[in-house]
Amino acid sequence: MIEPKKKQRKVLLLVNLFSAVNNDSARIIDGRSAAEEIKSSIAVEVSRMKESIGKVPGLAVILVGQRRDSLAYVRNKIMACHEVGFRFSIAELPESCTEDDVCDALSNYNKDASIHGILVQLPLPQVHLRLSSMCLFILCERHEKA
């Protein structure tokens, strides 16, 4: 088979992309209504969990500093957790905190049986707060618990 020249390949790629987009099977979805359906389904499952085993999923967030974008993201997580029935906990640490402070918060959440997921809100404000060591800390603590 003869390979098309570089310029021809680009044109073929564009033609293939165009035909894929304009194909009859493509459809537009409403992201908001899809999200609402998913949240509704999760809320039903959480309700069933609560009835059958008496527990609900728990999410913990560690927020370092007060960046507006981070605060908005965390606020959205809080609302989503409330909408579906998750337990939510937040550790708010000052921007001047140390890596040990963050690891202490992680350790507390690792020991909390009602917490099933931990989110360290990024970006971290200081270079000396190394995310890699914090992730290892979570993994080690969870592994020891198992």
Protein backbone atom coordinates (compact mmCIF):
# COMPACT_ATOMS: atom_id res chain seq x y z
CA MET A 1 0.00 0.00 0.00
CA ILE A 2 1.28 3.43 -0.89
CA GLU A 3 1.33 5.86 2.01
CA PRO A 4 -0.26 9.22 1.25
CA LYS A 5 1.99 12.25 1.49
CA LYS A 6 1.97 14.14 4.78
CA LYS A 7 -0.32 16.88 3.46
CA GLN A 8 -2.75 14.31 2.05
CA ARG A 9 -2.89 12.48 5.40
CA LYS A 10 -3.96 15.69 7.14
CA VAL A 11 -6.76 16.19 4.62
CA LEU A 12 -7.89 12.57 4.98
CA LEU A 13 -7.89 12.94 8.75
CA LEU A 14 -10.00 16.08 8.54
CA VAL A 15 -12.43 14.37 6.16
CA ASN A 16 -12.71 11.41 8.53
CA LEU A 17 -13.29 13.69 11.52
CA PHE A 18 -15.91 15.69 9.61
CA SER A 19 -17.78 12.57 8.53
CA ALA A 20 -17.67 11.19 12.08
CA VAL A 21 -19.14 14.39 13.50
CA ASN A 22 -21.84 14.67 10.84
CA ASN A 23 -22.80 11.02 11.02
CA ASP A 24 -26.46 10.28 11.82
CA SER A 25 -25.54 8.46 15.04
CA ALA A 26 -24.11 11.62 16.60
CA ARG A 27 -26.43 13.34 19.02
CA ILE A 28 -26.42 16.31 21.30
CA ILE A 29 -26.90 15.59 24.98
CA ASP A 30 -27.99 17.92 27.73
CA GLY A 31 -25.17 17.76 30.28
CA ARG A 32 -27.23 19.25 33.10
CA SER A 33 -30.06 16.78 32.78
CA ALA A 34 -27.57 13.90 32.46
CA ALA A 35 -25.86 15.08 35.66
CA GLU A 36 -29.21 15.32 37.44
CA GLU A 37 -30.09 11.77 36.37
CA ILE A 38 -26.76 10.50 37.68
CA LYS A 39 -27.18 12.36 40.98
CA SER A 40 -30.70 11.01 41.35
CA SER A 41 -29.51 7.46 40.75
CA ILE A 42 -26.69 7.87 43.28
CA ALA A 43 -29.10 9.32 45.85
CA VAL A 44 -31.33 6.25 45.50
CA GLU A 45 -28.34 3.93 46.00
CA VAL A 46 -27.16 5.91 49.04
CA SER A 47 -30.65 5.71 50.52
CA ARG A 48 -30.67 1.94 50.00
CA MET A 49 -27.24 1.64 51.63
CA LYS A 50 -28.43 3.62 54.63
CA GLU A 51 -31.49 1.40 55.02
CA SER A 52 -29.68 -1.90 54.52
CA ILE A 53 -26.35 -1.38 56.32
CA GLY A 54 -26.89 1.86 58.20
CA LYS A 55 -23.97 3.66 56.55
CA VAL A 56 -23.49 6.26 53.86
CA PRO A 57 -20.39 7.11 51.82
CA GLY A 58 -18.18 9.81 53.28
CA LEU A 59 -15.97 12.29 51.44
CA ALA A 60 -13.28 14.36 53.15
CA VAL A 61 -11.60 17.39 51.64
CA ILE A 62 -8.37 18.99 52.75
CA LEU A 63 -8.26 22.63 51.69
CA VAL A 64 -5.02 24.56 52.11
CA GLY A 65 -5.42 28.31 51.81
CA GLN A 66 -8.35 30.32 50.52
CA ARG A 67 -8.02 30.50 46.73
CA ARG A 68 -11.32 31.60 45.24
CA ASP A 69 -11.31 28.90 42.57
CA SER A 70 -10.57 26.20 45.15
CA LEU A 71 -13.31 27.51 47.44
CA ALA A 72 -15.81 27.40 44.56
CA TYR A 73 -14.78 23.85 43.68
CA VAL A 74 -15.12 22.70 47.30
CA ARG A 75 -18.47 24.48 47.65
CA ASN A 76 -19.73 22.54 44.60
CA LYS A 77 -18.52 19.27 46.15
CA ILE A 78 -20.36 20.09 49.40
CA MET A 79 -23.59 20.76 47.49
CA ALA A 80 -23.21 17.58 45.43
CA CYS A 81 -22.60 15.51 48.58
CA HIS A 82 -25.70 16.96 50.25
CA GLU A 83 -27.79 16.33 47.13
CA VAL A 84 -26.93 12.63 47.02
CA GLY A 85 -26.76 12.00 50.77
CA PHE A 86 -23.00 11.60 51.26
CA ARG A 87 -21.38 12.56 54.54
CA PHE A 88 -18.95 15.45 54.01
CA SER A 89 -16.06 16.68 56.11
CA ILE A 90 -13.54 19.41 55.46
CA ALA A 91 -10.20 20.27 57.03
CA GLU A 92 -9.37 23.90 56.29
CA LEU A 93 -5.70 24.66 56.81
CA PRO A 94 -3.96 28.03 56.54
CA GLU A 95 -1.75 28.76 53.55
CA SER A 96 1.22 28.83 55.92
CA CYS A 97 0.69 25.24 57.12
CA THR A 98 3.43 22.64 56.92
CA GLU A 99 3.49 19.30 55.17
CA ASP A 100 3.17 17.69 58.62
CA ASP A 101 -0.08 19.61 59.21
CA VAL A 102 -1.54 18.22 55.99
CA CYS A 103 -0.31 14.71 56.81
CA ASP A 104 -1.92 14.96 60.27
CA ALA A 105 -5.25 15.82 58.64
CA LEU A 106 -4.78 12.92 56.22
CA SER A 107 -3.99 10.59 59.12
CA ASN A 108 -7.14 11.64 60.96
CA TYR A 109 -9.27 10.96 57.89
CA ASN A 110 -7.48 7.65 57.26
CA LYS A 111 -8.49 6.52 60.76
CA ASP A 112 -12.10 7.68 60.37
CA ALA A 113 -14.23 4.70 59.33
CA SER A 114 -16.97 7.01 58.06
CA ILE A 115 -14.65 8.50 55.41
CA HIS A 116 -14.35 6.52 52.18
CA GLY A 117 -12.61 9.08 49.97
CA ILE A 118 -10.11 11.85 50.61
CA LEU A 119 -9.62 14.78 48.25
CA VAL A 120 -6.61 17.06 48.67
CA GLN A 121 -7.71 20.24 46.90
CA LEU A 122 -5.18 21.39 44.33
CA PRO A 123 -3.24 23.45 43.65
CA LEU A 124 -1.35 23.48 46.90
CA PRO A 125 -0.15 27.01 47.63
CA GLN A 126 3.43 26.27 48.62
CA VAL A 127 6.25 24.53 46.87
CA HIS A 128 7.32 22.79 50.07
CA LEU A 129 3.98 20.97 50.26
CA ARG A 130 4.85 17.93 48.15
CA LEU A 131 1.78 16.17 46.84
CA SER A 132 3.70 12.98 46.07
CA SER A 133 4.64 12.39 49.71
CA MET A 134 1.05 13.08 50.80
CA CYS A 135 -0.32 10.57 48.30
CA LEU A 136 2.13 7.97 49.55
CA PHE A 137 1.03 8.77 53.09
CA ILE A 138 -2.60 8.05 52.17
CA LEU A 139 -1.67 4.82 50.43
CA CYS A 140 0.52 3.61 53.31
CA GLU A 141 -2.05 4.43 55.97
CA ARG A 142 -4.89 2.79 54.03
CA HIS A 143 -2.75 -0.25 53.30
CA GLU A 144 -1.88 -0.68 56.98
CA LYS A 145 -5.58 -0.46 57.85
CA ALA A 146 -6.57 -3.23 55.44
